Amino acid sequence: MMGVDFDFHIHTVFSDGSMSFEELLTALKRAGLSKCGITDHFETGLPHSVAVSEANYMDLFNRFKKEAGNSGIEVFLGGETGLGPDGLMLPTGAPPFDFLIASVHRVNGRHKSESDYWREYRTYIERGIEKGGFQILGHVEGYLPTAPLGANGGTFDERREIERYYAAKYLTLDWYASIAPTLVKSGVAVEIHEMSSSPRLEVIDLLQRKGVRFSYGTDSHGPEQLMKREFITRVLNCTRLNEADIFKPEKRRGGARCTR
């Protein structure tokens, strides 16, 4: 079975994580990772988007990257931004990312029905992968924006159960089959999201058979989350996923750094 000593979705104290770069380095060593991507939020209108200047952030990141390299850990500068009706929601002055995750964190406006709401969610994704400018489609079935539907759930597990209900109802296998060619053409990888144990195994299996690539990330906001590997272990045991299917920042298509 393929080893998973990498994590391409990690947040620090500069967005909504709890770890400083120093604390993150300690946690990476403890987790035994050899490669990672730091993906703080850079999103217009998001309260916990990185607020420090690009120069300050890059200075701190580069120091961290050097220290991590001295410990045998390869670090990439990623970012997580939103997908909206007009595509990416990157703010002015975002740094030169090695790769970018785009996730739908909110759906705008009022909707006549639950079905209309999820139709718009799907439309954001469809338009986003058509327009491009990012490398990873983030937590497509996890951390769904369910609050406007009054479906928050009281606990972490209850929220995940609500998400599974909506995903099965509105993010159908037929819909995934319809967007798979665009994902392949654009080179956008679908995230295997550890914290929400998503997407469903049947989704991963379908997309893999259609040639879509995948990225893996814990979406860690604290040090203990970096140790989690339960879902990716299940994925590797229950699907035909192999190393050739996995997104690698150092080999991403085009080779140029990702900018706004």
C-alpha atoms as a PDB file:
ATOM      1  CA  MET A   1       0.000   0.000   0.000  1.00  0.00           C
ATOM      2  CA  MET A   2       1.202   3.497  -0.851  1.00  0.00           C
ATOM      3  CA  GLY A   3       2.790   5.371   2.040  1.00  0.00           C
ATOM      4  CA  VAL A   4       1.279   8.727   3.030  1.00  0.00           C
ATOM      5  CA  ASP A   5       4.051  10.887   4.469  1.00  0.00           C
ATOM      6  CA  PHE A   6       2.676  14.102   2.954  1.00  0.00           C
ATOM      7  CA  ASP A   7      -0.112  16.571   3.726  1.00  0.00           C
ATOM      8  CA  PHE A   8      -1.169  19.373   1.392  1.00  0.00           C
ATOM      9  CA  HIS A   9      -3.785  21.132   3.537  1.00  0.00           C
ATOM     10  CA  ILE A  10      -2.481  22.740   6.740  1.00  0.00           C
ATOM     11  CA  HIS A  11      -3.449  26.013   8.452  1.00  0.00           C
ATOM     12  CA  THR A  12      -1.396  28.149  10.832  1.00  0.00           C
ATOM     13  CA  VAL A  13      -2.168  30.876  13.335  1.00  0.00           C
ATOM     14  CA  PHE A  14      -2.019  33.376  10.458  1.00  0.00           C
ATOM     15  CA  SER A  15      -5.490  32.287   9.346  1.00  0.00           C
ATOM     16  CA  ASP A  16      -7.740  30.096  11.522  1.00  0.00           C
ATOM     17  CA  GLY A  17      -5.184  27.572  12.773  1.00  0.00           C
ATOM     18  CA  SER A  18      -3.672  27.413  16.243  1.00  0.00           C
ATOM     19  CA  MET A  19      -0.055  26.628  15.289  1.00  0.00           C
ATOM     20  CA  SER A  20       2.792  29.063  14.875  1.00  0.00           C
ATOM     21  CA  PHE A  21       5.397  28.063  12.301  1.00  0.00           C
ATOM     22  CA  GLU A  22       7.645  26.914  15.156  1.00  0.00           C
ATOM     23  CA  GLU A  23       4.897  24.737  16.637  1.00  0.00           C
ATOM     24  CA  LEU A  24       4.042  23.400  13.194  1.00  0.00           C
ATOM     25  CA  LEU A  25       7.619  22.265  12.589  1.00  0.00           C
ATOM     26  CA  THR A  26       7.569  20.294  15.844  1.00  0.00           C
ATOM     27  CA  ALA A  27       4.232  18.734  14.871  1.00  0.00           C
ATOM     28  CA  LEU A  28       5.460  17.822  11.377  1.00  0.00           C
ATOM     29  CA  LYS A  29       8.443  15.989  12.850  1.00  0.00           C
ATOM     30  CA  ARG A  30       6.210  14.142  15.301  1.00  0.00           C
ATOM     31  CA  ALA A  31       3.844  13.130  12.489  1.00  0.00           C
ATOM     32  CA  GLY A  32       6.750  11.803  10.416  1.00  0.00           C
ATOM     33  CA  LEU A  33       5.941  13.879   7.335  1.00  0.00           C
ATOM     34  CA  SER A  34       8.533  14.381   4.606  1.00  0.00           C
ATOM     35  CA  LYS A  35       6.513  16.792   2.464  1.00  0.00           C
ATOM     36  CA  CYS A  36       3.756  19.314   3.172  1.00  0.00           C
ATOM     37  CA  GLY A  37       1.942  22.363   1.905  1.00  0.00           C
ATOM     38  CA  ILE A  38       0.993  25.308   4.118  1.00  0.00           C
ATOM     39  CA  THR A  39      -2.432  26.476   2.945  1.00  0.00           C
ATOM     40  CA  ASP A  40      -3.621  29.426   4.991  1.00  0.00           C
ATOM     41  CA  HIS A  41      -6.816  31.190   3.918  1.00  0.00           C
ATOM     42  CA  PHE A  42      -6.516  33.979   1.357  1.00  0.00           C
ATOM     43  CA  GLU A  43     -10.120  34.864   0.577  1.00  0.00           C
ATOM     44  CA  THR A  44     -11.920  38.156   0.060  1.00  0.00           C
ATOM     45  CA  GLY A  45     -14.597  38.683   2.711  1.00  0.00           C
ATOM     46  CA  LEU A  46     -13.494  35.789   4.906  1.00  0.00           C
ATOM     47  CA  PRO A  47     -12.893  36.995   8.496  1.00  0.00           C
ATOM     48  CA  HIS A  48      -9.969  34.625   9.108  1.00  0.00           C
ATOM     49  CA  SER A  49      -8.154  35.314   5.842  1.00  0.00           C
ATOM     50  CA  VAL A  50      -4.451  36.096   6.315  1.00  0.00           C
ATOM     51  CA  ALA A  51      -4.243  39.723   7.426  1.00  0.00           C
ATOM     52  CA  VAL A  52      -0.488  40.322   7.577  1.00  0.00           C
ATOM     53  CA  SER A  53       1.302  41.835   4.597  1.00  0.00           C
ATOM     54  CA  GLU A  54       2.595  39.573   1.847  1.00  0.00           C
ATOM     55  CA  ALA A  55       6.184  40.592   2.625  1.00  0.00           C
ATOM     56  CA  ASN A  56       5.847  39.764   6.323  1.00  0.00           C
ATOM     57  CA  TYR A  57       4.123  36.438   5.667  1.00  0.00           C
ATOM     58  CA  MET A  58       6.689  35.413   3.059  1.00  0.00           C
ATOM     59  CA  ASP A  59       9.576  36.329   5.338  1.00  0.00           C
ATOM     60  CA  LEU A  60       8.220  34.121   8.124  1.00  0.00           C
ATOM     61  CA  PHE A  61       7.291  31.324   5.723  1.00  0.00           C
ATOM     62  CA  ASN A  62      10.719  31.272   4.070  1.00  0.00           C
ATOM     63  CA  ARG A  63      12.446  31.024   7.450  1.00  0.00           C
ATOM     64  CA  PHE A  64      10.150  28.139   8.375  1.00  0.00           C
ATOM     65  CA  LYS A  65      10.762  26.453   5.005  1.00  0.00           C
ATOM     66  CA  LYS A  66      14.529  26.631   5.521  1.00  0.00           C
ATOM     67  CA  GLU A  67      14.321  25.209   9.047  1.00  0.00           C
ATOM     68  CA  ALA A  68      12.018  22.429   7.852  1.00  0.00           C
ATOM     69  CA  GLY A  69      14.401  21.646   4.989  1.00  0.00           C
ATOM     70  CA  ASN A  70      17.234  21.302   7.466  1.00  0.00           C
ATOM     71  CA  SER A  71      15.110  18.634   9.149  1.00  0.00           C
ATOM     72  CA  GLY A  72      14.461  16.794   5.887  1.00  0.00           C
ATOM     73  CA  ILE A  73      10.942  18.136   5.322  1.00  0.00           C
ATOM     74  CA  GLU A  74      10.088  19.642   1.930  1.00  0.00           C
ATOM     75  CA  VAL A  75       7.653  22.546   2.269  1.00  0.00           C
ATOM     76  CA  PHE A  76       5.489  24.175  -0.399  1.00  0.00           C
ATOM     77  CA  LEU A  77       3.654  27.483  -0.210  1.00  0.00           C
ATOM     78  CA  GLY A  78       0.008  26.727  -0.802  1.00  0.00           C
ATOM     79  CA  GLY A  79      -3.090  28.747  -0.150  1.00  0.00           C
ATOM     80  CA  GLU A  80      -6.803  28.125   0.246  1.00  0.00           C
ATOM     81  CA  THR A  81      -9.240  30.525  -1.358  1.00  0.00           C
ATOM     82  CA  GLY A  82     -12.954  30.550  -2.061  1.00  0.00           C
ATOM     83  CA  LEU A  83     -14.904  29.693  -5.186  1.00  0.00           C
ATOM     84  CA  GLY A  84     -17.765  32.072  -5.894  1.00  0.00           C
ATOM     85  CA  PRO A  85     -20.063  32.903  -8.808  1.00  0.00           C
ATOM     86  CA  ASP A  86     -17.212  34.656 -10.616  1.00  0.00           C
ATOM     87  CA  GLY A  87     -14.506  32.124  -9.832  1.00  0.00           C
ATOM     88  CA  LEU A  88     -11.598  32.561  -7.425  1.00  0.00           C
ATOM     89  CA  MET A  89     -11.991  34.951  -4.482  1.00  0.00           C
ATOM     90  CA  LEU A  90      -8.311  35.815  -4.053  1.00  0.00           C
ATOM     91  CA  PRO A  91      -7.564  39.176  -2.418  1.00  0.00           C
ATOM     92  CA  THR A  92      -5.135  41.680  -3.869  1.00  0.00           C
ATOM     93  CA  GLY A  93      -1.570  41.073  -2.724  1.00  0.00           C
ATOM     94  CA  ALA A  94      -1.743  37.301  -2.362  1.00  0.00           C
ATOM     95  CA  PRO A  95       1.710  35.664  -2.389  1.00  0.00           C
ATOM     96  CA  PRO A  96       3.134  33.602  -5.296  1.00  0.00           C
ATOM     97  CA  PHE A  97       1.730  30.189  -4.384  1.00  0.00           C
ATOM     98  CA  ASP A  98       3.256  26.893  -5.440  1.00  0.00           C
ATOM     99  CA  PHE A  99      -0.304  25.551  -5.560  1.00  0.00           C
ATOM    100  CA  LEU A 100      -3.777  26.767  -4.680  1.00  0.00           C
ATOM    101  CA  ILE A 101      -6.799  25.025  -3.154  1.00  0.00           C
ATOM    102  CA  ALA A 102     -10.201  26.443  -4.130  1.00  0.00           C
ATOM    103  CA  SER A 103     -13.183  25.548  -1.930  1.00  0.00           C
ATOM    104  CA  VAL A 104     -16.796  26.702  -1.787  1.00  0.00           C
ATOM    105  CA  HIS A 105     -17.146  28.185   1.703  1.00  0.00           C
ATOM    106  CA  ARG A 106     -20.407  30.087   1.116  1.00  0.00           C
ATOM    107  CA  VAL A 107     -23.242  30.314  -1.387  1.00  0.00           C
ATOM    108  CA  ASN A 108     -24.492  33.834  -2.076  1.00  0.00           C
ATOM    109  CA  GLY A 109     -28.035  35.188  -2.179  1.00  0.00           C
ATOM    110  CA  ARG A 110     -31.478  33.856  -1.377  1.00  0.00           C
ATOM    111  CA  HIS A 111     -32.807  30.631  -2.844  1.00  0.00           C
ATOM    112  CA  LYS A 112     -36.313  29.389  -3.551  1.00  0.00           C
ATOM    113  CA  SER A 113     -35.552  25.874  -2.419  1.00  0.00           C
ATOM    114  CA  GLU A 114     -32.934  23.540  -1.040  1.00  0.00           C
ATOM    115  CA  SER A 115     -32.516  22.171  -4.552  1.00  0.00           C
ATOM    116  CA  ASP A 116     -31.785  25.659  -5.925  1.00  0.00           C
ATOM    117  CA  TYR A 117     -29.201  26.204  -3.206  1.00  0.00           C
ATOM    118  CA  TRP A 118     -27.245  23.093  -4.112  1.00  0.00           C
ATOM    119  CA  ARG A 119     -27.624  23.786  -7.823  1.00  0.00           C
ATOM    120  CA  GLU A 120     -25.781  27.053  -7.223  1.00  0.00           C
ATOM    121  CA  TYR A 121     -23.124  25.245  -5.157  1.00  0.00           C
ATOM    122  CA  ARG A 122     -22.531  22.895  -8.078  1.00  0.00           C
ATOM    123  CA  THR A 123     -22.468  25.829 -10.508  1.00  0.00           C
ATOM    124  CA  TYR A 124     -19.655  27.520  -8.542  1.00  0.00           C
ATOM    125  CA  ILE A 125     -17.603  24.355  -8.920  1.00  0.00           C
ATOM    126  CA  GLU A 126     -18.453  23.868 -12.592  1.00  0.00           C
ATOM    127  CA  ARG A 127     -17.552  27.455 -13.477  1.00  0.00           C
ATOM    128  CA  GLY A 128     -14.468  27.356 -11.283  1.00  0.00           C
ATOM    129  CA  ILE A 129     -12.902  24.324 -12.899  1.00  0.00           C
ATOM    130  CA  GLU A 130     -13.748  25.734 -16.345  1.00  0.00           C
ATOM    131  CA  LYS A 131     -11.960  29.015 -15.559  1.00  0.00           C
ATOM    132  CA  GLY A 132      -9.063  27.375 -13.711  1.00  0.00           C
ATOM    133  CA  GLY A 133      -6.301  29.215 -11.883  1.00  0.00           C
ATOM    134  CA  PHE A 134      -6.058  26.633  -9.088  1.00  0.00           C
ATOM    135  CA  GLN A 135      -4.755  23.098  -8.688  1.00  0.00           C
ATOM    136  CA  ILE A 136      -6.965  21.445  -6.037  1.00  0.00           C
ATOM    137  CA  LEU A 137     -10.744  21.391  -5.552  1.00  0.00           C
ATOM    138  CA  GLY A 138     -11.040  21.484  -1.774  1.00  0.00           C
ATOM    139  CA  HIS A 139     -13.349  19.398   0.458  1.00  0.00           C
ATOM    140  CA  VAL A 140     -16.084  19.130  -2.179  1.00  0.00           C
ATOM    141  CA  GLU A 141     -18.277  16.979   0.119  1.00  0.00           C
ATOM    142  CA  GLY A 142     -16.911  18.149   3.462  1.00  0.00           C
ATOM    143  CA  TYR A 143     -17.279  21.305   5.543  1.00  0.00           C
ATOM    144  CA  LEU A 144     -20.260  22.145   3.346  1.00  0.00           C
ATOM    145  CA  PRO A 145     -21.911  25.591   3.729  1.00  0.00           C
ATOM    146  CA  THR A 146     -25.089  24.242   5.345  1.00  0.00           C
ATOM    147  CA  ALA A 147     -25.748  27.092   7.819  1.00  0.00           C
ATOM    148  CA  PRO A 148     -28.111  29.028   5.471  1.00  0.00           C
ATOM    149  CA  LEU A 149     -30.276  25.895   5.352  1.00  0.00           C
ATOM    150  CA  GLY A 150     -30.567  25.850   9.146  1.00  0.00           C
ATOM    151  CA  ALA A 151     -28.688  22.560   9.231  1.00  0.00           C
ATOM    152  CA  ASN A 152     -25.733  23.279  11.486  1.00  0.00           C
ATOM    153  CA  GLY A 153     -25.677  20.225  13.740  1.00  0.00           C
ATOM    154  CA  GLY A 154     -24.662  20.415  17.381  1.00  0.00           C
ATOM    155  CA  THR A 155     -21.417  18.458  17.246  1.00  0.00           C
ATOM    156  CA  PHE A 156     -18.608  17.823  14.772  1.00  0.00           C
ATOM    157  CA  ASP A 157     -19.953  14.326  14.018  1.00  0.00           C
ATOM    158  CA  GLU A 158     -23.527  15.585  13.593  1.00  0.00           C
ATOM    159  CA  ARG A 159     -22.360  18.167  11.044  1.00  0.00           C
ATOM    160  CA  ARG A 160     -20.523  15.472   9.109  1.00  0.00           C
ATOM    161  CA  GLU A 161     -23.664  13.327   9.076  1.00  0.00           C
ATOM    162  CA  ILE A 162     -25.672  16.259   7.673  1.00  0.00           C
ATOM    163  CA  GLU A 163     -23.038  16.764   4.990  1.00  0.00           C
ATOM    164  CA  ARG A 164     -23.200  13.115   3.980  1.00  0.00           C
ATOM    165  CA  TYR A 165     -26.974  13.434   3.560  1.00  0.00           C
ATOM    166  CA  TYR A 166     -26.702  16.477   1.287  1.00  0.00           C
ATOM    167  CA  ALA A 167     -23.781  15.018  -0.670  1.00  0.00           C
ATOM    168  CA  ALA A 168     -25.662  11.810  -1.439  1.00  0.00           C
ATOM    169  CA  LYS A 169     -28.772  13.755  -2.477  1.00  0.00           C
ATOM    170  CA  TYR A 170     -27.299  16.630  -4.485  1.00  0.00           C
ATOM    171  CA  LEU A 171     -23.726  15.665  -5.450  1.00  0.00           C
ATOM    172  CA  THR A 172     -24.628  12.577  -7.422  1.00  0.00           C
ATOM    173  CA  LEU A 173     -22.338  10.190  -9.247  1.00  0.00           C
ATOM    174  CA  ASP A 174     -23.863  11.404 -12.520  1.00  0.00           C
ATOM    175  CA  TRP A 175     -22.841  14.967 -11.643  1.00  0.00           C
ATOM    176  CA  TYR A 176     -19.286  13.877 -10.859  1.00  0.00           C
ATOM    177  CA  ALA A 177     -19.165  11.974 -14.150  1.00  0.00           C
ATOM    178  CA  SER A 178     -20.246  15.159 -15.942  1.00  0.00           C
ATOM    179  CA  ILE A 179     -17.422  17.281 -14.479  1.00  0.00           C
ATOM    180  CA  ALA A 180     -14.697  14.628 -14.682  1.00  0.00           C
ATOM    181  CA  PRO A 181     -13.595  15.541 -18.246  1.00  0.00           C
ATOM    182  CA  THR A 182     -13.150  19.194 -17.238  1.00  0.00           C
ATOM    183  CA  LEU A 183     -11.197  18.200 -14.136  1.00  0.00           C
ATOM    184  CA  VAL A 184      -8.878  16.100 -16.291  1.00  0.00           C
ATOM    185  CA  LYS A 185      -8.504  18.795 -18.954  1.00  0.00           C
ATOM    186  CA  SER A 186      -7.775  21.537 -16.412  1.00  0.00           C
ATOM    187  CA  GLY A 187      -5.473  19.364 -14.313  1.00  0.00           C
ATOM    188  CA  VAL A 188      -7.480  20.099 -11.153  1.00  0.00           C
ATOM    189  CA  ALA A 189      -7.119  17.428  -8.473  1.00  0.00           C
ATOM    190  CA  VAL A 190      -9.964  16.527  -6.116  1.00  0.00           C
ATOM    191  CA  GLU A 191      -9.051  16.667  -2.449  1.00  0.00           C
ATOM    192  CA  ILE A 192      -9.265  13.608  -0.244  1.00  0.00           C
ATOM    193  CA  HIS A 193     -10.183  15.425   2.960  1.00  0.00           C
ATOM    194  CA  GLU A 194      -9.168  13.628   6.131  1.00  0.00           C
ATOM    195  CA  MET A 195     -11.081  15.696   8.674  1.00  0.00           C
ATOM    196  CA  SER A 196     -14.492  15.173   7.049  1.00  0.00           C
ATOM    197  CA  SER A 197     -13.737  11.673   5.672  1.00  0.00           C
ATOM    198  CA  SER A 198     -14.809  12.770   2.223  1.00  0.00           C
ATOM    199  CA  PRO A 199     -15.564  12.418  -0.627  1.00  0.00           C
ATOM    200  CA  ARG A 200     -17.394   9.104  -0.643  1.00  0.00           C
ATOM    201  CA  LEU A 201     -15.408   6.046  -1.696  1.00  0.00           C
ATOM    202  CA  GLU A 202     -17.661   5.506  -4.712  1.00  0.00           C
ATOM    203  CA  VAL A 203     -16.904   9.063  -5.848  1.00  0.00           C
ATOM    204  CA  ILE A 204     -13.158   8.477  -5.568  1.00  0.00           C
ATOM    205  CA  ASP A 205     -13.494   5.200  -7.462  1.00  0.00           C
ATOM    206  CA  LEU A 206     -15.528   6.795 -10.277  1.00  0.00           C
ATOM    207  CA  LEU A 207     -13.220   9.782 -10.690  1.00  0.00           C
ATOM    208  CA  GLN A 208     -10.085   7.638 -10.570  1.00  0.00           C
ATOM    209  CA  ARG A 209     -11.435   5.453 -13.371  1.00  0.00           C
ATOM    210  CA  LYS A 210     -12.027   8.598 -15.434  1.00  0.00           C
ATOM    211  CA  GLY A 211      -8.454   9.801 -14.989  1.00  0.00           C
ATOM    212  CA  VAL A 212      -8.971  12.499 -12.353  1.00  0.00           C
ATOM    213  CA  ARG A 213      -6.084  13.053  -9.949  1.00  0.00           C
ATOM    214  CA  PHE A 214      -6.360  13.498  -6.186  1.00  0.00           C
ATOM    215  CA  SER A 215      -4.688  15.525  -3.481  1.00  0.00           C
ATOM    216  CA  TYR A 216      -4.559  14.521   0.160  1.00  0.00           C
ATOM    217  CA  GLY A 217      -4.847  16.881   3.099  1.00  0.00           C
ATOM    218  CA  THR A 218      -5.807  16.634   6.731  1.00  0.00           C
ATOM    219  CA  ASP A 219      -6.991  20.278   6.836  1.00  0.00           C
ATOM    220  CA  SER A 220      -5.147  20.480  10.143  1.00  0.00           C
ATOM    221  CA  HIS A 221      -5.721  23.494  12.360  1.00  0.00           C
ATOM    222  CA  GLY A 222      -3.917  22.030  15.362  1.00  0.00           C
ATOM    223  CA  PRO A 223      -0.940  19.692  15.925  1.00  0.00           C
ATOM    224  CA  GLU A 224      -2.929  16.613  16.915  1.00  0.00           C
ATOM    225  CA  GLN A 225      -4.826  16.631  13.605  1.00  0.00           C
ATOM    226  CA  LEU A 226      -1.606  16.152  11.635  1.00  0.00           C
ATOM    227  CA  MET A 227      -1.452  12.602  13.005  1.00  0.00           C
ATOM    228  CA  LYS A 228      -4.799  11.539  11.511  1.00  0.00           C
ATOM    229  CA  ARG A 229      -4.675   8.967   8.706  1.00  0.00           C
ATOM    230  CA  GLU A 230      -7.844   6.911   9.259  1.00  0.00           C
ATOM    231  CA  PHE A 231      -9.720   7.996   6.153  1.00  0.00           C
ATOM    232  CA  ILE A 232      -6.836   7.892   3.690  1.00  0.00           C
ATOM    233  CA  THR A 233      -5.981   4.408   4.999  1.00  0.00           C
ATOM    234  CA  ARG A 234      -9.549   3.305   4.268  1.00  0.00           C
ATOM    235  CA  VAL A 235      -9.373   4.890   0.811  1.00  0.00           C
ATOM    236  CA  LEU A 236      -6.173   3.036  -0.036  1.00  0.00           C
ATOM    237  CA  ASN A 237      -7.570  -0.252   1.275  1.00  0.00           C
ATOM    238  CA  CYS A 238     -10.904   0.041  -0.549  1.00  0.00           C
ATOM    239  CA  THR A 239      -9.999   1.631  -3.905  1.00  0.00           C
ATOM    240  CA  ARG A 240      -7.375   1.191  -6.602  1.00  0.00           C
ATOM    241  CA  LEU A 241      -5.768   4.536  -5.884  1.00  0.00           C
ATOM    242  CA  ASN A 242      -2.007   4.533  -6.344  1.00  0.00           C
ATOM    243  CA  GLU A 243       0.871   6.975  -6.391  1.00  0.00           C
ATOM    244  CA  ALA A 244       0.328   7.880 -10.050  1.00  0.00           C
ATOM    245  CA  ASP A 245      -3.107   9.275  -9.132  1.00  0.00           C
ATOM    246  CA  ILE A 246      -1.741  11.726  -6.550  1.00  0.00           C
ATOM    247  CA  PHE A 247      -1.119  15.430  -7.167  1.00  0.00           C
ATOM    248  CA  LYS A 248       2.492  16.479  -6.581  1.00  0.00           C
ATOM    249  CA  PRO A 249       3.185  20.227  -6.263  1.00  0.00           C
ATOM    250  CA  GLU A 250       6.735  19.855  -7.569  1.00  0.00           C
ATOM    251  CA  LYS A 251       5.456  18.272 -10.793  1.00  0.00           C
ATOM    252  CA  ARG A 252       2.330  20.284 -11.404  1.00  0.00           C
ATOM    253  CA  ARG A 253       1.406  21.053 -14.965  1.00  0.00           C
ATOM    254  CA  GLY A 254       3.130  24.075 -16.492  1.00  0.00           C
ATOM    255  CA  GLY A 255       5.731  24.434 -13.765  1.00  0.00           C
ATOM    256  CA  ALA A 256       5.089  28.171 -13.320  1.00  0.00           C
ATOM    257  CA  ARG A 257       4.285  29.503  -9.891  1.00  0.00           C
ATOM    258  CA  CYS A 258       0.643  30.225  -9.192  1.00  0.00           C
ATOM    259  CA  THR A 259      -0.182  33.923  -8.922  1.00  0.00           C
ATOM    260  CA  ARG A 260      -3.349  35.941  -8.857  1.00  0.00           C
END
